[in-house]
Every structure is written in C-alpha cells, then in structure tokens.
C-alpha atoms as a PDB file:
ATOM      1  CA  LEU A   1     189.129 196.926  31.981  1.00  0.00           C
ATOM      2  CA  LEU A   2     192.750 197.982  32.868  1.00  0.00           C
ATOM      3  CA  ARG A   3     193.919 194.254  33.075  1.00  0.00           C
ATOM      4  CA  ARG A   4     192.550 193.704  29.759  1.00  0.00           C
ATOM      5  CA  GLY A   5     194.627 196.650  28.279  1.00  0.00           C
ATOM      6  CA  ASP A   6     191.733 199.218  28.065  1.00  0.00           C
ATOM      7  CA  GLY A   7     193.264 201.818  30.051  1.00  0.00           C
ATOM      8  CA  ALA A   8     190.953 204.370  28.367  1.00  0.00           C
ATOM      9  CA  GLY A   9     187.500 202.556  29.092  1.00  0.00           C
ATOM     10  CA  ALA A  10     188.866 201.928  32.621  1.00  0.00           C
ATOM     11  CA  VAL A  11     189.407 205.839  32.931  1.00  0.00           C
ATOM     12  CA  VAL A  12     185.735 206.441  31.904  1.00  0.00           C
ATOM     13  CA  GLN A  13     184.394 204.027  34.352  1.00  0.00           C
ATOM     14  CA  LEU A  14     186.415 205.093  37.300  1.00  0.00           C
ATOM     15  CA  GLU A  15     185.646 208.872  36.442  1.00  0.00           C
ATOM     16  CA  LYS A  16     181.925 208.073  36.681  1.00  0.00           C
ATOM     17  CA  ALA A  17     182.554 206.538  39.935  1.00  0.00           C
ATOM     18  CA  LEU A  18     184.301 209.523  41.700  1.00  0.00           C
ATOM     19  CA  PRO A  19     181.108 211.524  42.625  1.00  0.00           C
ATOM     20  CA  LEU A  20     179.429 208.443  43.797  1.00  0.00           C
ATOM     21  CA  VAL A  21     182.156 207.555  46.217  1.00  0.00           C
ATOM     22  CA  ALA A  22     182.436 211.363  47.234  1.00  0.00           C
ATOM     23  CA  GLN A  23     178.795 211.378  48.009  1.00  0.00           C
ATOM     24  CA  THR A  24     178.689 208.194  49.972  1.00  0.00           C
ATOM     25  CA  ALA A  25     182.242 207.611  51.615  1.00  0.00           C
ATOM     26  CA  GLY A  26     183.359 211.123  51.821  1.00  0.00           C
ATOM     27  CA  GLU A  27     185.954 213.194  49.620  1.00  0.00           C
ATOM     28  CA  GLY A  28     188.633 212.495  52.385  1.00  0.00           C
ATOM     29  CA  SER A  29     187.916 208.775  52.894  1.00  0.00           C
ATOM     30  CA  GLN A  30     190.105 205.613  52.264  1.00  0.00           C
ATOM     31  CA  ALA A  31     187.624 204.780  49.329  1.00  0.00           C
ATOM     32  CA  ALA A  32     188.241 207.999  47.863  1.00  0.00           C
ATOM     33  CA  ALA A  33     192.035 207.643  48.023  1.00  0.00           C
ATOM     34  CA  GLU A  34     191.630 203.944  46.615  1.00  0.00           C
ATOM     35  CA  LEU A  35     189.692 205.271  43.599  1.00  0.00           C
ATOM     36  CA  ALA A  36     192.172 208.039  43.013  1.00  0.00           C
ATOM     37  CA  LEU A  37     194.977 205.628  42.878  1.00  0.00           C
ATOM     38  CA  ALA A  38     193.076 203.220  40.474  1.00  0.00           C
ATOM     39  CA  LEU A  39     192.037 206.351  38.234  1.00  0.00           C
ATOM     40  CA  ALA A  40     195.701 207.450  38.316  1.00  0.00           C
ATOM     41  CA  ASP A  41     196.894 204.012  37.265  1.00  0.00           C
ATOM     42  CA  ALA A  42     194.277 203.790  34.448  1.00  0.00           C
ATOM     43  CA  GLN A  43     195.246 207.332  33.300  1.00  0.00           C
ATOM     44  CA  THR A  44     198.876 206.402  33.448  1.00  0.00           C
ATOM     45  CA  ALA A  45     198.161 203.271  31.252  1.00  0.00           C
ATOM     46  CA  ALA A  46     196.199 205.588  28.790  1.00  0.00           C
ATOM     47  CA  ARG A  47     199.009 207.890  28.641  1.00  0.00           C
ATOM     48  CA  ALA A  48     197.040 210.809  30.363  1.00  0.00           C
ATOM     49  CA  TYR A  49     200.036 211.542  32.398  1.00  0.00           C
ATOM     50  CA  GLU A  50     199.009 215.185  33.776  1.00  0.00           C
ATOM     51  CA  PRO A  51     195.548 214.071  35.077  1.00  0.00           C
ATOM     52  CA  ALA A  52     197.231 210.858  36.419  1.00  0.00           C
ATOM     53  CA  ARG A  53     199.794 212.850  38.498  1.00  0.00           C
ATOM     54  CA  GLY A  54     196.942 215.009  39.999  1.00  0.00           C
ATOM     55  CA  ASN A  55     195.177 211.920  41.005  1.00  0.00           C
ATOM     56  CA  TYR A  56     198.545 210.361  42.499  1.00  0.00           C
ATOM     57  CA  ALA A  57     198.700 213.502  44.625  1.00  0.00           C
ATOM     58  CA  ARG A  58     195.065 213.230  45.675  1.00  0.00           C
ATOM     59  CA  ALA A  59     195.608 209.744  46.921  1.00  0.00           C
ATOM     60  CA  LEU A  60     198.742 210.791  48.823  1.00  0.00           C
ATOM     61  CA  ALA A  61     197.150 213.702  50.527  1.00  0.00           C
ATOM     62  CA  ILE A  62     194.074 211.910  51.442  1.00  0.00           C
ATOM     63  CA  LEU A  63     196.099 208.827  53.003  1.00  0.00           C
ATOM     64  CA  THR A  64     198.540 211.257  54.628  1.00  0.00           C
ATOM     65  CA  ALA A  65     195.766 213.043  56.121  1.00  0.00           C
ATOM     66  CA  LEU A  66     194.174 209.822  57.325  1.00  0.00           C
ATOM     67  CA  TYR A  67     197.243 208.135  58.576  1.00  0.00           C
ATOM     68  CA  GLY A  68     200.154 210.161  58.554  1.00  0.00           C
ATOM     69  CA  GLU A  69     203.474 210.347  56.461  1.00  0.00           C
ATOM     70  CA  ARG A  70     204.845 207.003  57.590  1.00  0.00           C
ATOM     71  CA  HIS A  71     201.922 204.771  57.160  1.00  0.00           C
ATOM     72  CA  PRO A  72     202.368 201.766  54.909  1.00  0.00           C
ATOM     73  CA  SER A  73     199.393 202.680  52.698  1.00  0.00           C
ATOM     74  CA  LEU A  74     201.573 205.328  51.100  1.00  0.00           C
ATOM     75  CA  ALA A  75     203.899 202.650  49.753  1.00  0.00           C
ATOM     76  CA  ALA A  76     201.536 201.682  46.940  1.00  0.00           C
ATOM     77  CA  VAL A  77     200.867 205.339  45.810  1.00  0.00           C
ATOM     78  CA  TYR A  78     204.802 206.037  45.817  1.00  0.00           C
ATOM     79  CA  ASN A  79     205.552 202.888  43.917  1.00  0.00           C
ATOM     80  CA  ASN A  80     202.858 203.486  41.381  1.00  0.00           C
ATOM     81  CA  LEU A  81     203.858 207.228  41.041  1.00  0.00           C
ATOM     82  CA  GLY A  82     207.557 205.728  40.172  1.00  0.00           C
ATOM     83  CA  VAL A  83     205.903 203.547  37.467  1.00  0.00           C
ATOM     84  CA  HIS A  84     204.008 206.673  36.268  1.00  0.00           C
ATOM     85  CA  TYR A  85     207.407 208.667  35.856  1.00  0.00           C
ATOM     86  CA  ALA A  86     209.153 205.750  34.297  1.00  0.00           C
ATOM     87  CA  ALA A  87     206.156 205.648  31.595  1.00  0.00           C
ATOM     88  CA  ARG A  88     206.724 209.380  31.004  1.00  0.00           C
ATOM     89  CA  LEU A  89     210.525 208.640  30.711  1.00  0.00           C
ATOM     90  CA  ASP A  90     210.707 211.171  33.637  1.00  0.00           C
ATOM     91  CA  TYR A  91     213.821 210.113  35.769  1.00  0.00           C
ATOM     92  CA  ALA A  92     214.596 213.388  37.149  1.00  0.00           C
END
C-alpha cells in the first residue's frame, strides 16, 4: 500500500499486525523492530509525524538491544529517521 501512495491504508494494516508480531515473535524481536520501522515509514508518508517518531525510536531501541550501537541494521533506521525529519522540514 505504501508503494502505491496509500500511507494511511498502510498504517491501518501495519497497526493490525503489531499485536500479532508481539505475540508470536516477541516485543523485542527483529520482526518487531522491522514492523516498527515499516509503520514509522507509513506514518511519515501519511504525515502522522509524532507517532512515526515514536516508532522510529522503538525500532532503534529494539535493534540496539539486540545487536549493539554499531550494528549495520541501525543504518536503515537512521536513514529513514533523516527522511522523516526532512519531511517535517525539521533540519535542527
């Protein structure tokens, strides 16, 4: 949905997936981090900036706990967080 420009629709579907992933893979799993990142990207596309920021933080926290601060998996989150701030016109 996000690739078709339907950020709001993607948000709805990803929010439905959150409890399923938490229940099956665990709150602190790689799958939960990937879902949080996807949800944050969809929220950014839908201009829901505050919830997106929280989900980027969630993805960072999970991946940092799993792999440490210098793991390459964090690069995608930092990159997408930069896109998020650019979309908000927040360059500080």
